């Protein structure tokens, strides 16, 4: 078959390839708030059994990954203040499988938020304001985001090193597109807790929006040292390298493109249902003229998020690829 050439694809270099590396059995999942269907961020996830006993936190998309250390029965329990905890169990049979769990947390009126606060010195009034802020964000509207920001700012004014409130404030500013304020709040979170991987991944996204690629790469690598299986962390780092590749001549872009591909591969190994990772992988495959493979990635994104932020562009690319491939002479 002859090489298929598509007008909107830039000249190619060596084809990106490579089989997935071996990995231990893992459990992936997503946590949503049942009343709003919104992702539940920074939820505590307990993974126990099958040679494993550790705690994870969900990312901004409500996702988590637990790696199991052996075979046997295991359980996963998720907890968020103000919501009833939920548990699921499974059986690890081999080292190549991957289980997936969905959780939907339901609010419990009047339930205390103190269990989510790591610092026992946080005053009760600050916890109360934090709880109000979390409840506001769960509603998902802009006015609720604004209200959440005010609650978190009040909580922080009462206790300036309130880590959970600083993290929530930073991500609320991200949702509002107030990048400088988000940067300040997330840097303060990391100053309070130097191992706050979620804050590092969020700060990496902020730096990307601010076109601070070097800073983004540095903080994302630091976060991945702490949480090496974070799908969102690898995706964000892949975006850093993808952005860097577009600022270079084709011959100079190759190392950045190869690094971007490796990161998006790791993101999808950690979470095959991370929709935006499929968009980035599709763009990378287009760059090296693997049009049919790119089409598959865009279609996978549309399957996962048919009304997502990139849905219109993905549909357009799928149609362009189909037309371009159909017009090629067959050998």
Protein backbone atom coordinates (compact mmCIF):
# COMPACT_ATOMS: atom_id res chain seq x y z
CA UNK A 1 0.00 0.00 0.00
CA UNK A 2 1.32 3.46 -0.86
CA UNK A 3 2.00 6.09 1.80
CA UNK A 4 -1.15 8.06 2.49
CA UNK A 5 -0.61 11.77 2.40
CA UNK A 6 -2.98 14.24 4.00
CA UNK A 7 -2.65 17.93 3.27
CA UNK A 8 -3.20 19.16 6.80
CA UNK A 9 -0.54 16.92 8.32
CA UNK A 10 2.93 18.32 8.88
CA UNK A 11 5.94 16.40 7.44
CA UNK A 12 6.70 13.31 9.47
CA UNK A 13 9.73 11.99 11.31
CA UNK A 14 10.23 8.50 12.72
CA UNK A 15 6.91 6.82 13.51
CA UNK A 16 6.07 6.77 17.18
CA UNK A 17 5.72 3.22 18.36
CA UNK A 18 6.29 0.84 21.23
CA UNK A 19 4.29 -1.71 23.10
CA UNK A 20 2.97 -0.97 26.55
CA UNK A 21 5.38 -1.85 29.27
CA UNK A 22 4.44 -4.49 31.78
CA UNK A 23 2.56 -3.24 34.80
CA UNK A 24 1.06 -4.70 37.91
CA UNK A 25 -2.65 -5.21 38.27
CA UNK A 26 -4.43 -1.98 39.05
CA UNK A 27 -7.84 -0.62 39.94
CA UNK A 28 -8.98 2.54 38.21
CA UNK A 29 -12.08 4.49 39.01
CA UNK A 30 -13.98 7.72 39.03
CA UNK A 31 -15.93 9.44 41.80
CA UNK A 32 -18.89 11.69 40.99
CA UNK A 33 -21.30 13.63 43.16
CA UNK A 34 -24.67 11.95 42.69
CA UNK A 35 -26.81 15.08 42.91
CA UNK A 36 -24.90 17.10 40.27
CA UNK A 37 -22.95 14.44 38.32
CA UNK A 38 -19.83 16.60 38.84
CA UNK A 39 -16.37 15.05 39.40
CA UNK A 40 -15.47 14.79 43.07
CA UNK A 41 -12.01 16.30 43.58
CA UNK A 42 -9.55 15.38 46.35
CA UNK A 43 -11.71 12.53 47.63
CA UNK A 44 -9.88 10.12 49.93
CA UNK A 45 -9.61 6.65 48.37
CA UNK A 46 -8.60 3.71 50.59
CA UNK A 47 -7.25 0.64 48.76
CA UNK A 48 -6.83 -2.48 50.91
CA UNK A 49 -6.11 -6.14 50.23
CA UNK A 50 -4.31 -8.11 47.49
CA UNK A 51 -0.97 -7.10 49.01
CA UNK A 52 -1.97 -3.43 49.17
CA UNK A 53 -2.84 -0.92 51.86
CA UNK A 54 -2.56 2.72 50.90
CA UNK A 55 -4.49 5.94 50.40
CA UNK A 56 -4.97 7.90 47.16
CA UNK A 57 -6.72 11.17 46.32
CA UNK A 58 -8.92 11.75 43.28
CA UNK A 59 -7.71 14.30 40.73
CA UNK A 60 -9.65 17.23 39.26
CA UNK A 61 -11.56 14.83 37.03
CA UNK A 62 -12.57 12.68 39.99
CA UNK A 63 -10.25 9.86 38.88
CA UNK A 64 -7.94 7.60 40.86
CA UNK A 65 -5.64 4.62 40.27
CA UNK A 66 -4.63 2.01 42.84
CA UNK A 67 -1.85 -0.50 42.10
CA UNK A 68 -2.28 -3.88 43.75
CA UNK A 69 0.67 -5.75 45.15
CA UNK A 70 -0.58 -9.31 44.65
CA UNK A 71 -3.60 -11.54 44.11
CA UNK A 72 -6.67 -12.11 46.27
CA UNK A 73 -9.62 -10.09 47.49
CA UNK A 74 -9.38 -6.32 47.83
CA UNK A 75 -11.67 -3.41 48.67
CA UNK A 76 -11.82 0.25 47.67
CA UNK A 77 -13.52 2.80 49.95
CA UNK A 78 -14.07 6.46 49.04
CA UNK A 79 -14.75 9.22 51.57
CA UNK A 80 -15.65 12.88 51.26
CA UNK A 81 -16.84 15.06 54.15
CA UNK A 82 -20.57 15.70 54.07
CA UNK A 83 -21.17 12.57 51.95
CA UNK A 84 -21.85 8.93 52.79
CA UNK A 85 -18.76 6.77 52.20
CA UNK A 86 -19.00 4.10 49.51
CA UNK A 87 -17.15 0.80 49.12
CA UNK A 88 -16.66 -1.78 46.38
CA UNK A 89 -14.69 -5.01 46.36
CA UNK A 90 -13.06 -7.27 43.81
CA UNK A 91 -10.62 -10.12 43.32
CA UNK A 92 -7.17 -9.73 41.80
CA UNK A 93 -6.43 -12.82 39.71
CA UNK A 94 -3.26 -11.98 37.77
CA UNK A 95 -0.77 -9.17 37.18
CA UNK A 96 -2.08 -7.92 33.82
CA UNK A 97 -5.71 -7.22 34.55
CA UNK A 98 -7.26 -3.83 35.27
CA UNK A 99 -10.54 -3.31 37.12
CA UNK A 100 -12.69 -0.19 36.87
CA UNK A 101 -15.01 1.19 39.53
CA UNK A 102 -17.51 4.04 39.45
CA UNK A 103 -18.62 5.72 42.68
CA UNK A 104 -21.46 8.21 43.17
CA UNK A 105 -21.43 9.96 46.52
CA UNK A 106 -24.65 11.13 48.09
CA UNK A 107 -24.82 14.06 50.49
CA UNK A 108 -25.73 13.46 54.12
CA UNK A 109 -27.36 16.59 55.57
CA UNK A 110 -25.55 17.89 58.63
CA UNK A 111 -22.62 15.52 58.40
CA UNK A 112 -19.43 17.08 59.79
CA UNK A 113 -16.53 17.95 57.53
CA UNK A 114 -13.78 17.56 60.11
CA UNK A 115 -12.73 14.12 58.86
CA UNK A 116 -11.33 15.68 55.66
CA UNK A 117 -9.14 18.17 57.49
CA UNK A 118 -5.63 16.85 58.06
CA UNK A 119 -4.58 19.56 60.54
CA UNK A 120 -6.26 19.12 63.95
CA UNK A 121 -5.50 22.77 64.76
CA UNK A 122 -7.95 24.12 62.17
CA UNK A 123 -10.64 26.09 64.06
CA UNK A 124 -14.21 24.84 63.93
CA UNK A 125 -15.42 28.02 62.21
CA UNK A 126 -12.79 27.61 59.47
CA UNK A 127 -13.95 24.02 58.91
CA UNK A 128 -17.53 25.28 58.71
CA UNK A 129 -16.60 27.82 56.03
CA UNK A 130 -14.65 25.15 54.15
CA UNK A 131 -17.67 22.85 54.24
CA UNK A 132 -19.88 25.63 52.83
CA UNK A 133 -17.33 26.14 50.06
CA UNK A 134 -17.25 22.46 49.08
CA UNK A 135 -21.06 22.40 48.99
CA UNK A 136 -21.09 25.48 46.76
CA UNK A 137 -18.62 24.03 44.27
CA UNK A 138 -20.68 20.85 44.04
CA UNK A 139 -23.54 22.84 42.47
CA UNK A 140 -21.37 23.64 39.46
CA UNK A 141 -22.67 27.07 38.40
CA UNK A 142 -20.50 30.19 38.09
CA UNK A 143 -22.29 31.98 40.89
CA UNK A 144 -21.68 28.93 43.07
CA UNK A 145 -17.98 29.02 42.17
CA UNK A 146 -17.87 32.66 43.22
CA UNK A 147 -19.57 31.77 46.49
CA UNK A 148 -17.16 28.88 47.04
CA UNK A 149 -14.20 31.21 46.59
CA UNK A 150 -15.58 33.54 49.26
CA UNK A 151 -16.07 30.66 51.71
CA UNK A 152 -12.55 29.33 51.15
CA UNK A 153 -11.04 32.80 51.50
CA UNK A 154 -12.90 33.21 54.79
CA UNK A 155 -11.65 29.82 56.00
CA UNK A 156 -8.06 30.76 55.09
CA UNK A 157 -8.38 34.13 56.81
CA UNK A 158 -9.26 32.22 59.98
CA UNK A 159 -6.40 29.75 59.52
CA UNK A 160 -3.79 30.81 56.90
CA UNK A 161 -2.16 27.36 56.57
CA UNK A 162 -5.45 25.54 55.94
CA UNK A 163 -4.13 23.18 53.25
CA UNK A 164 -7.44 21.76 52.01
CA UNK A 165 -8.98 25.23 51.71
CA UNK A 166 -5.94 26.59 49.84
CA UNK A 167 -6.08 23.69 47.37
CA UNK A 168 -9.81 24.11 46.77
CA UNK A 169 -9.39 27.86 46.40
CA UNK A 170 -6.68 27.36 43.79
CA UNK A 171 -8.74 24.97 41.69
CA UNK A 172 -11.84 27.18 42.01
CA UNK A 173 -9.80 30.07 40.60
CA UNK A 174 -8.74 27.74 37.75
CA UNK A 175 -12.38 27.02 36.95
CA UNK A 176 -12.99 30.77 36.90
CA UNK A 177 -10.01 31.34 34.60
CA UNK A 178 -8.24 33.53 37.18
CA UNK A 179 -4.81 32.04 36.60
CA UNK A 180 -2.63 34.38 38.66
CA UNK A 181 -4.82 33.93 41.73
CA UNK A 182 -4.86 30.17 41.15
CA UNK A 183 -1.06 30.16 40.94
CA UNK A 184 -0.76 32.03 44.25
CA UNK A 185 -3.17 29.72 46.09
CA UNK A 186 -1.58 26.54 44.76
CA UNK A 187 1.93 27.71 45.56
CA UNK A 188 0.76 28.41 49.11
CA UNK A 189 -0.71 24.89 49.26
CA UNK A 190 2.67 23.40 48.30
CA UNK A 191 4.43 25.65 50.82
CA UNK A 192 2.21 24.14 53.52
CA UNK A 193 2.63 20.57 52.24
CA UNK A 194 5.64 19.85 50.02
CA UNK A 195 4.10 16.47 49.08
CA UNK A 196 0.75 17.82 47.84
CA UNK A 197 0.84 16.08 44.44
CA UNK A 198 -2.68 17.19 43.46
CA UNK A 199 -1.66 20.81 43.99
CA UNK A 200 1.42 20.27 41.83
CA UNK A 201 -0.61 18.78 38.98
CA UNK A 202 -3.10 21.64 39.18
CA UNK A 203 -0.26 24.18 39.25
CA UNK A 204 1.23 22.52 36.16
CA UNK A 205 -2.06 23.16 34.33
CA UNK A 206 -1.98 26.78 35.47
CA UNK A 207 1.55 27.26 34.15
CA UNK A 208 0.50 25.72 30.84
CA UNK A 209 -2.30 28.27 30.50
CA UNK A 210 0.20 31.00 31.33
CA UNK A 211 2.63 29.66 28.68
CA UNK A 212 5.25 28.98 31.35
CA UNK A 213 6.42 25.66 29.92
CA UNK A 214 9.63 25.32 31.91
CA UNK A 215 7.83 25.92 35.20
CA UNK A 216 5.05 23.52 34.17
CA UNK A 217 7.51 20.73 33.33
CA UNK A 218 9.39 21.17 36.61
CA UNK A 219 6.33 21.07 38.88
CA UNK A 220 4.67 18.20 36.98
CA UNK A 221 7.82 16.08 37.20
CA UNK A 222 7.91 16.80 40.94
CA UNK A 223 4.28 15.71 41.27
CA UNK A 224 4.90 12.52 39.32
CA UNK A 225 7.78 11.67 41.65
CA UNK A 226 5.20 11.62 44.43
CA UNK A 227 2.33 10.08 42.44
CA UNK A 228 3.85 8.23 39.45
CA UNK A 229 0.57 6.62 38.34
CA UNK A 230 -1.41 9.86 38.00
CA UNK A 231 -3.08 9.82 34.59
CA UNK A 232 -3.77 13.55 34.79
CA UNK A 233 -0.16 14.27 35.73
CA UNK A 234 1.17 12.36 32.73
CA UNK A 235 -1.40 13.96 30.42
CA UNK A 236 -0.46 17.47 31.56
CA UNK A 237 3.23 16.71 31.10
CA UNK A 238 2.47 15.35 27.65
CA UNK A 239 0.77 18.64 26.83
CA UNK A 240 3.88 20.50 27.95
CA UNK A 241 6.03 18.56 25.47
CA UNK A 242 3.39 18.84 22.72
CA UNK A 243 3.30 22.61 23.15
CA UNK A 244 7.11 22.75 23.09
CA UNK A 245 7.19 20.78 19.83
CA UNK A 246 4.98 23.32 18.08
CA UNK A 247 7.44 26.10 18.88
CA UNK A 248 10.31 24.36 17.08
CA UNK A 249 11.37 23.50 13.55
CA UNK A 250 10.41 19.99 12.49
CA UNK A 251 13.86 18.44 12.99
CA UNK A 252 14.16 20.00 16.44
CA UNK A 253 10.62 19.03 17.42
CA UNK A 254 11.23 15.28 17.35
CA UNK A 255 12.54 14.85 20.95
CA UNK A 256 9.61 16.82 22.38
CA UNK A 257 7.12 14.84 20.31
CA UNK A 258 8.61 11.54 21.42
CA UNK A 259 8.42 12.62 25.07
CA UNK A 260 4.84 13.79 24.59
CA UNK A 261 3.91 10.40 23.14
CA UNK A 262 5.53 8.55 26.05
CA UNK A 263 3.59 10.66 28.55
CA UNK A 264 0.23 10.24 26.85
CA UNK A 265 0.88 6.49 26.62
CA UNK A 266 1.47 6.40 30.38
CA UNK A 267 -1.67 8.47 30.96
CA UNK A 268 -3.79 5.99 29.00
CA UNK A 269 -2.13 3.01 30.66
CA UNK A 270 -3.18 4.50 34.00
CA UNK A 271 -6.65 5.45 32.77
CA UNK A 272 -7.86 4.29 29.31
CA UNK A 273 -11.02 6.33 29.80
CA UNK A 274 -9.23 9.66 30.16
CA UNK A 275 -10.93 11.28 27.18
CA UNK A 276 -8.63 14.24 26.62
CA UNK A 277 -5.60 11.94 26.49
CA UNK A 278 -7.12 10.42 23.34
CA UNK A 279 -7.26 13.89 21.78
CA UNK A 280 -3.58 14.51 22.46
CA UNK A 281 -2.64 11.06 21.17
CA UNK A 282 -4.68 11.70 18.03
CA UNK A 283 -2.84 14.98 17.42
CA UNK A 284 0.51 13.26 17.89
CA UNK A 285 -0.41 10.49 15.47
CA UNK A 286 -1.51 13.04 12.90
CA UNK A 287 1.85 14.71 13.22
CA UNK A 288 3.55 11.49 12.09
CA UNK A 289 1.03 10.68 9.35
CA UNK A 290 -0.69 7.80 11.14
CA UNK A 291 -4.04 9.10 10.00
CA UNK A 292 -6.16 5.99 10.55
CA UNK A 293 -4.78 5.55 14.06
CA UNK A 294 -5.43 9.23 14.78
CA UNK A 295 -9.00 8.85 13.55
CA UNK A 296 -9.50 6.00 16.04
CA UNK A 297 -8.26 8.19 18.91
CA UNK A 298 -10.61 11.06 18.01
CA UNK A 299 -13.51 8.63 17.72
CA UNK A 300 -12.63 7.20 21.13
CA UNK A 301 -12.71 10.70 22.59
CA UNK A 302 -16.16 11.26 21.06
CA UNK A 303 -17.37 7.97 22.52
CA UNK A 304 -16.20 8.99 25.98
CA UNK A 305 -17.23 12.66 25.81
CA UNK A 306 -19.70 13.21 22.95
CA UNK A 307 -20.45 16.69 24.28
CA UNK A 308 -16.94 17.45 25.52
CA UNK A 309 -15.01 20.65 25.02
CA UNK A 310 -13.13 19.19 22.02
CA UNK A 311 -16.11 17.35 20.49
CA UNK A 312 -16.71 19.75 17.59
CA UNK A 313 -13.04 19.82 16.58
CA UNK A 314 -12.75 16.03 16.91
CA UNK A 315 -15.75 15.46 14.64
CA UNK A 316 -14.33 17.84 12.07
CA UNK A 317 -10.97 16.04 12.08
CA UNK A 318 -12.62 12.63 11.76
CA UNK A 319 -14.53 13.79 8.68
CA UNK A 320 -11.41 15.35 7.13
CA UNK A 321 -9.40 12.19 7.69
CA UNK A 322 -12.14 10.00 6.19
CA UNK A 323 -12.38 12.17 3.09
CA UNK A 324 -8.61 12.37 2.66
CA UNK A 325 -8.16 8.61 3.00
CA UNK A 326 -11.03 7.90 0.62
CA UNK A 327 -9.43 10.09 -2.02
CA UNK A 328 -6.11 8.22 -1.97
CA UNK A 329 -5.44 5.78 -4.84
CA UNK A 330 -5.41 2.14 -3.79
CA UNK A 331 -2.33 0.10 -4.56
